[in-house]
Amino acid sequence: HLPELIDFADASGAGIMLMYQLVAVGRGEKIEKAT
């Protein structure tokens, strides 16, 4: 769904979009399969 999200950021008038990649720390450790 990221292509649509980038289009959404454009349409919303955002000046910057930061695209984080999930790192398996914190609660993210429990969803390492999602990295």
PDB file of all heavy atoms in Angstrom:
ATOM      1  N   HIS A   1       0.812  -1.218   0.000  1.00  0.00           N
ATOM      2  CA  HIS A   1       0.000   0.000   0.000  1.00  0.00           C
ATOM      3  C   HIS A   1       0.850   1.274   0.000  1.00  0.00           C
ATOM      4  O   HIS A   1       0.299   2.377   0.028  1.00  0.00           O
ATOM      5  CB  HIS A   1      -0.926  -0.005   1.220  1.00  0.00           C
ATOM      6  CG  HIS A   1      -1.826  -1.197   1.287  1.00  0.00           C
ATOM      7  ND1 HIS A   1      -3.036  -1.251   0.630  1.00  0.00           N
ATOM      8  CD2 HIS A   1      -1.677  -2.389   1.916  1.00  0.00           C
ATOM      9  CE1 HIS A   1      -3.600  -2.430   0.855  1.00  0.00           C
ATOM     10  NE2 HIS A   1      -2.804  -3.136   1.635  1.00  0.00           N
ATOM     11  N   LEU A   2       2.172   1.114  -0.033  1.00  0.00           N
ATOM     12  CA  LEU A   2       3.040   2.290   0.036  1.00  0.00           C
ATOM     13  C   LEU A   2       2.930   3.209  -1.186  1.00  0.00           C
ATOM     14  O   LEU A   2       3.022   4.429  -1.032  1.00  0.00           O
ATOM     15  CB  LEU A   2       4.494   1.866   0.262  1.00  0.00           C
ATOM     16  CG  LEU A   2       4.781   1.237   1.631  1.00  0.00           C
ATOM     17  CD1 LEU A   2       6.258   0.851   1.740  1.00  0.00           C
ATOM     18  CD2 LEU A   2       4.392   2.174   2.765  1.00  0.00           C
ATOM     19  N   PRO A   3       2.753   2.686  -2.414  1.00  0.00           N
ATOM     20  CA  PRO A   3       2.591   3.615  -3.545  1.00  0.00           C
ATOM     21  C   PRO A   3       1.429   4.580  -3.336  1.00  0.00           C
ATOM     22  O   PRO A   3       1.557   5.794  -3.587  1.00  0.00           O
ATOM     23  CB  PRO A   3       2.345   2.686  -4.738  1.00  0.00           C
ATOM     24  CG  PRO A   3       3.028   1.406  -4.358  1.00  0.00           C
ATOM     25  CD  PRO A   3       2.808   1.285  -2.873  1.00  0.00           C
ATOM     26  N   GLU A   4       0.291   4.054  -2.853  1.00  0.00           N
ATOM     27  CA  GLU A   4      -0.858   4.927  -2.599  1.00  0.00           C
ATOM     28  C   GLU A   4      -0.584   5.896  -1.453  1.00  0.00           C
ATOM     29  O   GLU A   4      -1.060   7.040  -1.467  1.00  0.00           O
ATOM     30  CB  GLU A   4      -2.093   4.076  -2.270  1.00  0.00           C
ATOM     31  CG  GLU A   4      -2.625   3.254  -3.429  1.00  0.00           C
ATOM     32  CD  GLU A   4      -1.846   1.974  -3.656  1.00  0.00           C
ATOM     33  OE1 GLU A   4      -1.008   1.606  -2.779  1.00  0.00           O
ATOM     34  OE2 GLU A   4      -2.049   1.330  -4.706  1.00  0.00           O
ATOM     35  N   LEU A   5       0.200   5.451  -0.476  1.00  0.00           N
ATOM     36  CA  LEU A   5       0.514   6.328   0.657  1.00  0.00           C
ATOM     37  C   LEU A   5       1.405   7.488   0.218  1.00  0.00           C
ATOM     38  O   LEU A   5       1.238   8.620   0.677  1.00  0.00           O
ATOM     39  CB  LEU A   5       1.188   5.529   1.771  1.00  0.00           C
ATOM     40  CG  LEU A   5       1.484   6.291   3.064  1.00  0.00           C
ATOM     41  CD1 LEU A   5       0.231   6.928   3.638  1.00  0.00           C
ATOM     42  CD2 LEU A   5       2.129   5.366   4.096  1.00  0.00           C
ATOM     43  N   ILE A   6       2.344   7.222  -0.676  1.00  0.00           N
ATOM     44  CA  ILE A   6       3.191   8.303  -1.204  1.00  0.00           C
ATOM     45  C   ILE A   6       2.335   9.299  -1.988  1.00  0.00           C
ATOM     46  O   ILE A   6       2.502  10.520  -1.863  1.00  0.00           O
ATOM     47  CB  ILE A   6       4.322   7.725  -2.071  1.00  0.00           C
ATOM     48  CG1 ILE A   6       5.282   6.902  -1.205  1.00  0.00           C
ATOM     49  CG2 ILE A   6       5.085   8.851  -2.783  1.00  0.00           C
ATOM     50  CD1 ILE A   6       6.333   6.134  -1.987  1.00  0.00           C
ATOM     51  N   ASP A   7       1.406   8.783  -2.777  1.00  0.00           N
ATOM     52  CA  ASP A   7       0.478   9.665  -3.498  1.00  0.00           C
ATOM     53  C   ASP A   7      -0.360  10.485  -2.511  1.00  0.00           C
ATOM     54  O   ASP A   7      -0.634  11.672  -2.741  1.00  0.00           O
ATOM     55  CB  ASP A   7      -0.446   8.848  -4.407  1.00  0.00           C
ATOM     56  CG  ASP A   7       0.304   8.179  -5.547  1.00  0.00           C
ATOM     57  OD1 ASP A   7       1.432   8.614  -5.864  1.00  0.00           O
ATOM     58  OD2 ASP A   7      -0.236   7.203  -6.115  1.00  0.00           O
ATOM     59  N   PHE A   8      -0.762   9.839  -1.421  1.00  0.00           N
ATOM     60  CA  PHE A   8      -1.536  10.519  -0.380  1.00  0.00           C
ATOM     61  C   PHE A   8      -0.722  11.660   0.247  1.00  0.00           C
ATOM     62  O   PHE A   8      -1.245  12.758   0.469  1.00  0.00           O
ATOM     63  CB  PHE A   8      -1.941   9.504   0.690  1.00  0.00           C
ATOM     64  CG  PHE A   8      -2.405  10.108   1.986  1.00  0.00           C
ATOM     65  CD1 PHE A   8      -3.709  10.559   2.136  1.00  0.00           C
ATOM     66  CD2 PHE A   8      -1.534  10.219   3.061  1.00  0.00           C
ATOM     67  CE1 PHE A   8      -4.137  11.119   3.333  1.00  0.00           C
ATOM     68  CE2 PHE A   8      -1.955  10.775   4.263  1.00  0.00           C
ATOM     69  CZ  PHE A   8      -3.254  11.221   4.407  1.00  0.00           C
ATOM     70  N   ALA A   9       0.560  11.410   0.526  1.00  0.00           N
ATOM     71  CA  ALA A   9       1.424  12.452   1.094  1.00  0.00           C
ATOM     72  C   ALA A   9       1.526  13.636   0.142  1.00  0.00           C
ATOM     73  O   ALA A   9       1.494  14.800   0.562  1.00  0.00           O
ATOM     74  CB  ALA A   9       2.810  11.884   1.404  1.00  0.00           C
ATOM     75  N   ASP A  10       1.645  13.337  -1.147  1.00  0.00           N
ATOM     76  CA  ASP A  10       1.675  14.390  -2.165  1.00  0.00           C
ATOM     77  C   ASP A  10       0.385  15.205  -2.149  1.00  0.00           C
ATOM     78  O   ASP A  10       0.403  16.441  -2.133  1.00  0.00           O
ATOM     79  CB  ASP A  10       1.850  13.762  -3.545  1.00  0.00           C
ATOM     80  CG  ASP A  10       3.236  13.985  -4.111  1.00  0.00           C
ATOM     81  OD1 ASP A  10       4.082  14.573  -3.415  1.00  0.00           O
ATOM     82  OD2 ASP A  10       3.478  13.567  -5.261  1.00  0.00           O
ATOM     83  N   ALA A  11      -0.737  14.499  -2.172  1.00  0.00           N
ATOM     84  CA  ALA A  11      -2.033  15.174  -2.240  1.00  0.00           C
ATOM     85  C   ALA A  11      -2.327  15.969  -0.975  1.00  0.00           C
ATOM     86  O   ALA A  11      -3.042  16.977  -1.022  1.00  0.00           O
ATOM     87  CB  ALA A  11      -3.147  14.146  -2.473  1.00  0.00           C
ATOM     88  N   SER A  12      -1.765  15.560   0.158  1.00  0.00           N
ATOM     89  CA  SER A  12      -2.021  16.250   1.428  1.00  0.00           C
ATOM     90  C   SER A  12      -1.223  17.530   1.570  1.00  0.00           C
ATOM     91  O   SER A  12      -1.472  18.321   2.480  1.00  0.00           O
ATOM     92  CB  SER A  12      -1.703  15.314   2.604  1.00  0.00           C
ATOM     93  OG  SER A  12      -0.301  15.091   2.699  1.00  0.00           O
ATOM     94  N   GLY A  13      -0.234  17.730   0.679  1.00  0.00           N
ATOM     95  CA  GLY A  13       0.572  18.946   0.740  1.00  0.00           C
ATOM     96  C   GLY A  13       1.774  18.834   1.659  1.00  0.00           C
ATOM     97  O   GLY A  13       2.341  19.859   2.068  1.00  0.00           O
ATOM     98  N   ALA A  14       2.209  17.601   1.963  1.00  0.00           N
ATOM     99  CA  ALA A  14       3.381  17.425   2.821  1.00  0.00           C
ATOM    100  C   ALA A  14       4.637  17.904   2.109  1.00  0.00           C
ATOM    101  O   ALA A  14       4.823  17.652   0.916  1.00  0.00           O
ATOM    102  CB  ALA A  14       3.531  15.956   3.210  1.00  0.00           C
ATOM    103  N   GLY A  15       5.501  18.595   2.847  1.00  0.00           N
ATOM    104  CA  GLY A  15       6.769  19.036   2.279  1.00  0.00           C
ATOM    105  C   GLY A  15       7.841  17.977   2.366  1.00  0.00           C
ATOM    106  O   GLY A  15       8.778  17.950   1.569  1.00  0.00           O
ATOM    107  N   ILE A  16       7.722  17.088   3.351  1.00  0.00           N
ATOM    108  CA  ILE A  16       8.699  16.028   3.588  1.00  0.00           C
ATOM    109  C   ILE A  16       7.949  14.745   3.911  1.00  0.00           C
ATOM    110  O   ILE A  16       6.923  14.763   4.594  1.00  0.00           O
ATOM    111  CB  ILE A  16       9.636  16.377   4.774  1.00  0.00           C
ATOM    112  CG1 ILE A  16      10.371  17.706   4.540  1.00  0.00           C
ATOM    113  CG2 ILE A  16      10.645  15.260   5.024  1.00  0.00           C
ATOM    114  CD1 ILE A  16      11.103  18.225   5.763  1.00  0.00           C
ATOM    115  N   MET A  17       8.471  13.623   3.415  1.00  0.00           N
ATOM    116  CA  MET A  17       7.961  12.314   3.819  1.00  0.00           C
ATOM    117  C   MET A  17       9.137  11.461   4.257  1.00  0.00           C
ATOM    118  O   MET A  17      10.078  11.241   3.483  1.00  0.00           O
ATOM    119  CB  MET A  17       7.220  11.620   2.671  1.00  0.00           C
ATOM    120  CG  MET A  17       6.615  10.283   3.087  1.00  0.00           C
ATOM    121  SD  MET A  17       5.735   9.457   1.730  1.00  0.00           S
ATOM    122  CE  MET A  17       4.853   8.184   2.632  1.00  0.00           C
ATOM    123  N   LEU A  18       9.120  11.010   5.503  1.00  0.00           N
ATOM    124  CA  LEU A  18      10.153  10.102   5.994  1.00  0.00           C
ATOM    125  C   LEU A  18       9.620   8.678   5.925  1.00  0.00           C
ATOM    126  O   LEU A  18       8.562   8.374   6.460  1.00  0.00           O
ATOM    127  CB  LEU A  18      10.552  10.441   7.433  1.00  0.00           C
ATOM    128  CG  LEU A  18      11.269  11.772   7.662  1.00  0.00           C
ATOM    129  CD1 LEU A  18      11.780  11.862   9.098  1.00  0.00           C
ATOM    130  CD2 LEU A  18      12.422  11.979   6.676  1.00  0.00           C
ATOM    131  N   MET A  19      10.378   7.813   5.245  1.00  0.00           N
ATOM    132  CA  MET A  19       9.994   6.422   5.058  1.00  0.00           C
ATOM    133  C   MET A  19      10.892   5.545   5.936  1.00  0.00           C
ATOM    134  O   MET A  19      12.005   5.187   5.564  1.00  0.00           O
ATOM    135  CB  MET A  19      10.134   6.031   3.586  1.00  0.00           C
ATOM    136  CG  MET A  19       9.667   4.629   3.267  1.00  0.00           C
ATOM    137  SD  MET A  19       7.865   4.452   3.304  1.00  0.00           S
ATOM    138  CE  MET A  19       7.413   5.320   1.780  1.00  0.00           C
ATOM    139  N   TYR A  20      10.411   5.244   7.130  1.00  0.00           N
ATOM    140  CA  TYR A  20      11.156   4.391   8.053  1.00  0.00           C
ATOM    141  C   TYR A  20      11.056   2.934   7.613  1.00  0.00           C
ATOM    142  O   TYR A  20      10.014   2.487   7.128  1.00  0.00           O
ATOM    143  CB  TYR A  20      10.592   4.494   9.473  1.00  0.00           C
ATOM    144  CG  TYR A  20      10.866   5.799  10.172  1.00  0.00           C
ATOM    145  CD1 TYR A  20      10.149   6.951   9.849  1.00  0.00           C
ATOM    146  CD2 TYR A  20      11.823   5.885  11.177  1.00  0.00           C
ATOM    147  CE1 TYR A  20      10.388   8.155  10.499  1.00  0.00           C
ATOM    148  CE2 TYR A  20      12.062   7.086  11.841  1.00  0.00           C
ATOM    149  CZ  TYR A  20      11.348   8.209  11.494  1.00  0.00           C
ATOM    150  OH  TYR A  20      11.586   9.393  12.139  1.00  0.00           O
ATOM    151  N   GLN A  21      12.143   2.191   7.817  1.00  0.00           N
ATOM    152  CA  GLN A  21      12.075   0.743   7.690  1.00  0.00           C
ATOM    153  C   GLN A  21      11.994   0.153   9.088  1.00  0.00           C
ATOM    154  O   GLN A  21      12.747   0.552   9.981  1.00  0.00           O
ATOM    155  CB  GLN A  21      13.305   0.197   6.963  1.00  0.00           C
ATOM    156  CG  GLN A  21      13.328   0.525   5.477  1.00  0.00           C
ATOM    157  CD  GLN A  21      14.439  -0.205   4.753  1.00  0.00           C
ATOM    158  OE1 GLN A  21      14.765  -1.332   5.071  1.00  0.00           O
ATOM    159  NE2 GLN A  21      15.013   0.452   3.754  1.00  0.00           N
ATOM    160  N   LEU A  22      11.088  -0.777   9.282  1.00  0.00           N
ATOM    161  CA  LEU A  22      10.890  -1.372  10.595  1.00  0.00           C
ATOM    162  C   LEU A  22      12.163  -2.068  11.073  1.00  0.00           C
ATOM    163  O   LEU A  22      12.744  -2.882  10.366  1.00  0.00           O
ATOM    164  CB  LEU A  22       9.741  -2.379  10.555  1.00  0.00           C
ATOM    165  CG  LEU A  22       9.435  -3.112  11.862  1.00  0.00           C
ATOM    166  CD1 LEU A  22       8.963  -2.139  12.928  1.00  0.00           C
ATOM    167  CD2 LEU A  22       8.386  -4.197  11.636  1.00  0.00           C
ATOM    168  N   VAL A  23      12.601  -1.714  12.281  1.00  0.00           N
ATOM    169  CA  VAL A  23      13.708  -2.398  12.945  1.00  0.00           C
ATOM    170  C   VAL A  23      13.117  -3.116  14.147  1.00  0.00           C
ATOM    171  O   VAL A  23      12.332  -2.532  14.906  1.00  0.00           O
ATOM    172  CB  VAL A  23      14.806  -1.403  13.386  1.00  0.00           C
ATOM    173  CG1 VAL A  23      15.940  -2.132  14.103  1.00  0.00           C
ATOM    174  CG2 VAL A  23      15.348  -0.641  12.173  1.00  0.00           C
ATOM    175  N   ALA A  24      13.476  -4.380  14.338  1.00  0.00           N
ATOM    176  CA  ALA A  24      12.830  -5.224  15.339  1.00  0.00           C
ATOM    177  C   ALA A  24      13.315  -4.898  16.749  1.00  0.00           C
ATOM    178  O   ALA A  24      14.058  -5.652  17.379  1.00  0.00           O
ATOM    179  CB  ALA A  24      13.069  -6.695  15.025  1.00  0.00           C
ATOM    180  N   VAL A  25      12.891  -3.735  17.261  1.00  0.00           N
ATOM    181  CA  VAL A  25      13.181  -3.344  18.641  1.00  0.00           C
ATOM    182  C   VAL A  25      11.874  -2.884  19.275  1.00  0.00           C
ATOM    183  O   VAL A  25      10.888  -2.620  18.591  1.00  0.00           O
ATOM    184  CB  VAL A  25      14.234  -2.217  18.717  1.00  0.00           C
ATOM    185  CG1 VAL A  25      15.557  -2.683  18.149  1.00  0.00           C
ATOM    186  CG2 VAL A  25      13.753  -0.959  17.989  1.00  0.00           C
ATOM    187  N   GLY A  26      11.855  -2.756  20.612  1.00  0.00           N
ATOM    188  CA  GLY A  26      10.648  -2.348  21.309  1.00  0.00           C
ATOM    189  C   GLY A  26       9.529  -3.349  21.053  1.00  0.00           C
ATOM    190  O   GLY A  26       9.742  -4.556  21.027  1.00  0.00           O
ATOM    191  N   ARG A  27       8.300  -2.860  20.850  1.00  0.00           N
ATOM    192  CA  ARG A  27       7.200  -3.764  20.518  1.00  0.00           C
ATOM    193  C   ARG A  27       7.425  -4.427  19.171  1.00  0.00           C
ATOM    194  O   ARG A  27       6.883  -5.481  18.876  1.00  0.00           O
ATOM    195  CB  ARG A  27       5.862  -3.008  20.516  1.00  0.00           C
ATOM    196  CG  ARG A  27       5.296  -2.788  21.900  1.00  0.00           C
ATOM    197  CD  ARG A  27       3.794  -2.524  21.837  1.00  0.00           C
ATOM    198  NE  ARG A  27       3.454  -1.268  21.228  1.00  0.00           N
ATOM    199  CZ  ARG A  27       3.362  -0.106  21.867  1.00  0.00           C
ATOM    200  NH1 ARG A  27       3.634  -0.050  23.154  1.00  0.00           N
ATOM    201  NH2 ARG A  27       3.029   0.987  21.239  1.00  0.00           N
ATOM    202  N   GLY A  28       8.261  -3.773  18.326  1.00  0.00           N
ATOM    203  CA  GLY A  28       8.564  -4.340  17.015  1.00  0.00           C
ATOM    204  C   GLY A  28       9.238  -5.696  17.093  1.00  0.00           C
ATOM    205  O   GLY A  28       9.200  -6.479  16.137  1.00  0.00           O
ATOM    206  N   GLU A  29       9.878  -6.027  18.257  1.00  0.00           N
ATOM    207  CA  GLU A  29      10.491  -7.341  18.409  1.00  0.00           C
ATOM    208  C   GLU A  29       9.461  -8.446  18.253  1.00  0.00           C
ATOM    209  O   GLU A  29       9.758  -9.538  17.791  1.00  0.00           O
ATOM    210  CB  GLU A  29      11.162  -7.449  19.783  1.00  0.00           C
ATOM    211  CG  GLU A  29      12.414  -6.591  19.930  1.00  0.00           C
ATOM    212  CD  GLU A  29      13.000  -6.694  21.321  1.00  0.00           C
ATOM    213  OE1 GLU A  29      12.290  -7.172  22.230  1.00  0.00           O
ATOM    214  OE2 GLU A  29      14.161  -6.291  21.499  1.00  0.00           O
ATOM    215  N   LYS A  30       8.226  -8.165  18.685  1.00  0.00           N
ATOM    216  CA  LYS A  30       7.175  -9.178  18.661  1.00  0.00           C
ATOM    217  C   LYS A  30       6.634  -9.420  17.256  1.00  0.00           C
ATOM    218  O   LYS A  30       5.926 -10.385  17.024  1.00  0.00           O
ATOM    219  CB  LYS A  30       6.040  -8.760  19.594  1.00  0.00           C
ATOM    220  CG  LYS A  30       6.481  -8.614  21.053  1.00  0.00           C
ATOM    221  CD  LYS A  30       5.340  -8.136  21.930  1.00  0.00           C
ATOM    222  CE  LYS A  30       5.805  -7.946  23.374  1.00  0.00           C
ATOM    223  NZ  LYS A  30       4.711  -7.437  24.239  1.00  0.00           N
ATOM    224  N   ILE A  31       6.954  -8.546  16.328  1.00  0.00           N
ATOM    225  CA  ILE A  31       6.475  -8.726  14.959  1.00  0.00           C
ATOM    226  C   ILE A  31       7.662  -8.716  14.001  1.00  0.00           C
ATOM    227  O   ILE A  31       7.620  -8.106  12.946  1.00  0.00           O
ATOM    228  CB  ILE A  31       5.442  -7.652  14.556  1.00  0.00           C
ATOM    229  CG1 ILE A  31       6.024  -6.237  14.731  1.00  0.00           C
ATOM    230  CG2 ILE A  31       4.159  -7.801  15.316  1.00  0.00           C
ATOM    231  CD1 ILE A  31       5.250  -5.210  13.952  1.00  0.00           C
ATOM    232  N   GLU A  32       8.732  -9.412  14.415  1.00  0.00           N
ATOM    233  CA  GLU A  32       9.906  -9.482  13.555  1.00  0.00           C
ATOM    234  C   GLU A  32       9.550  -9.988  12.167  1.00  0.00           C
ATOM    235  O   GLU A  32      10.160  -9.608  11.165  1.00  0.00           O
ATOM    236  CB  GLU A  32      10.974 -10.382  14.188  1.00  0.00           C
ATOM    237  CG  GLU A  32      12.280 -10.416  13.406  1.00  0.00           C
ATOM    238  CD  GLU A  32      13.333 -11.273  14.079  1.00  0.00           C
ATOM    239  OE1 GLU A  32      13.191 -11.590  15.257  1.00  0.00           O
ATOM    240  OE2 GLU A  32      14.309 -11.620  13.383  1.00  0.00           O
ATOM    241  N   LYS A  33       8.503 -10.839  12.098  1.00  0.00           N
ATOM    242  CA  LYS A  33       8.066 -11.356  10.802  1.00  0.00           C
ATOM    243  C   LYS A  33       7.582 -10.242   9.886  1.00  0.00           C
ATOM    244  O   LYS A  33       7.497 -10.426   8.668  1.00  0.00           O
ATOM    245  CB  LYS A  33       6.957 -12.387  10.998  1.00  0.00           C
ATOM    246  CG  LYS A  33       5.677 -11.818  11.605  1.00  0.00           C
ATOM    247  CD  LYS A  33       4.628 -12.896  11.795  1.00  0.00           C
ATOM    248  CE  LYS A  33       3.338 -12.315  12.398  1.00  0.00           C
ATOM    249  NZ  LYS A  33       2.302 -13.337  12.602  1.00  0.00           N
ATOM    250  N   ALA A  34       7.271  -9.078  10.458  1.00  0.00           N
ATOM    251  CA  ALA A  34       6.783  -7.963   9.647  1.00  0.00           C
ATOM    252  C   ALA A  34       7.915  -7.110   9.081  1.00  0.00           C
ATOM    253  O   ALA A  34       7.678  -6.239   8.256  1.00  0.00           O
ATOM    254  CB  ALA A  34       5.845  -7.078  10.457  1.00  0.00           C
ATOM    255  N   THR A  35       9.157  -7.344   9.543  1.00  0.00           N
ATOM    256  CA  THR A  35      10.272  -6.579   8.990  1.00  0.00           C
ATOM    257  C   THR A  35      10.462  -6.966   7.525  1.00  0.00           C
ATOM    258  O   THR A  35      10.241  -8.118   7.131  1.00  0.00           O
ATOM    259  CB  THR A  35      11.575  -6.842   9.762  1.00  0.00           C
ATOM    260  OG1 THR A  35      11.889  -8.236   9.709  1.00  0.00           O
ATOM    261  CG2 THR A  35      11.446  -6.414  11.206  1.00  0.00           C
TER     262      THR A  35
END
